[in-house]
PDB file of N, CA and C in Angstrom:
ATOM      1  N   MET A   1      -3.477  47.956 -43.420  1.00  0.00           N
ATOM      2  CA  MET A   1      -2.743  48.380 -44.951  1.00  0.00           C
ATOM      3  C   MET A   1      -1.335  48.365 -44.373  1.00  0.00           C
ATOM      4  N   TYR A   2      -0.679  47.400 -45.598  1.00  0.00           N
ATOM      5  CA  TYR A   2       1.353  47.414 -45.277  1.00  0.00           C
ATOM      6  C   TYR A   2       1.854  48.225 -46.413  1.00  0.00           C
ATOM      7  N   THR A   3       3.003  48.966 -45.808  1.00  0.00           N
ATOM      8  CA  THR A   3       3.607  49.607 -46.899  1.00  0.00           C
ATOM      9  C   THR A   3       4.745  49.400 -46.396  1.00  0.00           C
ATOM     10  N   THR A   4       5.619  49.716 -47.682  1.00  0.00           N
ATOM     11  CA  THR A   4       6.963  49.720 -47.583  1.00  0.00           C
ATOM     12  C   THR A   4       7.883  50.266 -46.651  1.00  0.00           C
ATOM     13  N   THR A   5       7.574  51.387 -46.586  1.00  0.00           N
ATOM     14  CA  THR A   5       8.112  52.298 -45.293  1.00  0.00           C
ATOM     15  C   THR A   5       7.780  51.559 -43.950  1.00  0.00           C
ATOM     16  N   ASN A   6       6.666  51.251 -43.820  1.00  0.00           N
ATOM     17  CA  ASN A   6       6.459  50.502 -42.317  1.00  0.00           C
ATOM     18  C   ASN A   6       7.334  49.280 -42.413  1.00  0.00           C
ATOM     19  N   HIS A   7       7.573  48.375 -43.193  1.00  0.00           N
ATOM     20  CA  HIS A   7       8.370  47.421 -43.396  1.00  0.00           C
ATOM     21  C   HIS A   7       9.821  47.955 -43.152  1.00  0.00           C
ATOM     22  N   VAL A   8      10.612  49.047 -43.825  1.00  0.00           N
ATOM     23  CA  VAL A   8      11.580  49.617 -43.362  1.00  0.00           C
ATOM     24  C   VAL A   8      11.777  49.615 -41.922  1.00  0.00           C
ATOM     25  N   ALA A   9      10.661  50.293 -41.490  1.00  0.00           N
ATOM     26  CA  ALA A   9      10.830  50.693 -40.161  1.00  0.00           C
ATOM     27  C   ALA A   9      10.522  49.807 -39.468  1.00  0.00           C
ATOM     28  N   ARG A  10      10.035  48.873 -39.853  1.00  0.00           N
ATOM     29  CA  ARG A  10      10.258  47.632 -38.536  1.00  0.00           C
ATOM     30  C   ARG A  10      11.455  46.518 -38.749  1.00  0.00           C
ATOM     31  N   LEU A  11      12.378  46.578 -39.779  1.00  0.00           N
ATOM     32  CA  LEU A  11      13.438  46.000 -39.404  1.00  0.00           C
ATOM     33  C   LEU A  11      14.509  46.894 -39.105  1.00  0.00           C
ATOM     34  N   ASN A  12      14.334  48.037 -38.853  1.00  0.00           N
ATOM     35  CA  ASN A  12      15.101  49.025 -38.225  1.00  0.00           C
ATOM     36  C   ASN A  12      15.063  48.452 -36.731  1.00  0.00           C
ATOM     37  N   PHE A  13      13.723  49.074 -36.503  1.00  0.00           N
ATOM     38  CA  PHE A  13      13.308  48.397 -34.978  1.00  0.00           C
ATOM     39  C   PHE A  13      14.158  47.183 -34.586  1.00  0.00           C
ATOM     40  N   CYS A  14      13.823  45.923 -35.134  1.00  0.00           N
ATOM     41  CA  CYS A  14      13.884  44.765 -35.049  1.00  0.00           C
ATOM     42  C   CYS A  14      15.527  44.889 -34.814  1.00  0.00           C
ATOM     43  N   GLU A  15      16.198  45.488 -35.369  1.00  0.00           N
ATOM     44  CA  GLU A  15      17.682  45.482 -35.138  1.00  0.00           C
ATOM     45  C   GLU A  15      18.195  45.848 -33.695  1.00  0.00           C
ATOM     46  N   ASP A  16      17.170  47.033 -33.161  1.00  0.00           N
ATOM     47  CA  ASP A  16      17.700  47.270 -31.690  1.00  0.00           C
ATOM     48  C   ASP A  16      16.932  46.814 -30.888  1.00  0.00           C
ATOM     49  N   THR A  17      15.694  46.014 -30.844  1.00  0.00           N
ATOM     50  CA  THR A  17      15.125  45.012 -30.096  1.00  0.00           C
ATOM     51  C   THR A  17      15.363  43.778 -30.238  1.00  0.00           C
ATOM     52  N   PRO A  18      15.691  42.902 -29.326  1.00  0.00           N
ATOM     53  CA  PRO A  18      16.166  41.280 -29.192  1.00  0.00           C
ATOM     54  C   PRO A  18      14.981  40.492 -29.312  1.00  0.00           C
ATOM     55  N   ASN A  19      13.768  41.192 -28.856  1.00  0.00           N
ATOM     56  CA  ASN A  19      12.380  40.542 -28.761  1.00  0.00           C
ATOM     57  C   ASN A  19      11.668  40.532 -29.912  1.00  0.00           C
ATOM     58  N   SER A  20      11.868  41.392 -31.108  1.00  0.00           N
ATOM     59  CA  SER A  20      11.814  41.190 -32.336  1.00  0.00           C
ATOM     60  C   SER A  20      12.132  40.420 -33.088  1.00  0.00           C
ATOM     61  N   ASN A  21      13.202  39.512 -33.062  1.00  0.00           N
ATOM     62  CA  ASN A  21      13.297  38.375 -33.307  1.00  0.00           C
ATOM     63  C   ASN A  21      12.012  36.817 -33.572  1.00  0.00           C
ATOM     64  N   MET A  22      11.557  36.984 -32.445  1.00  0.00           N
ATOM     65  CA  MET A  22      10.369  36.402 -32.617  1.00  0.00           C
ATOM     66  C   MET A  22       9.694  36.797 -33.378  1.00  0.00           C
ATOM     67  N   GLU A  23       9.280  37.851 -33.771  1.00  0.00           N
ATOM     68  CA  GLU A  23       8.116  38.401 -34.462  1.00  0.00           C
ATOM     69  C   GLU A  23       8.475  38.192 -36.184  1.00  0.00           C
ATOM     70  N   ASN A  24       9.933  37.923 -36.287  1.00  0.00           N
ATOM     71  CA  ASN A  24      10.467  37.763 -37.560  1.00  0.00           C
ATOM     72  C   ASN A  24      10.017  36.425 -37.801  1.00  0.00           C
TER      73      ASN A  24
END
């Protein structure tokens, strides 16, 4: 299940982790 809260959390996590750019 996908929620907006998880989406926002992932965006914030992406800003702190360079490797997350690959997941976007």
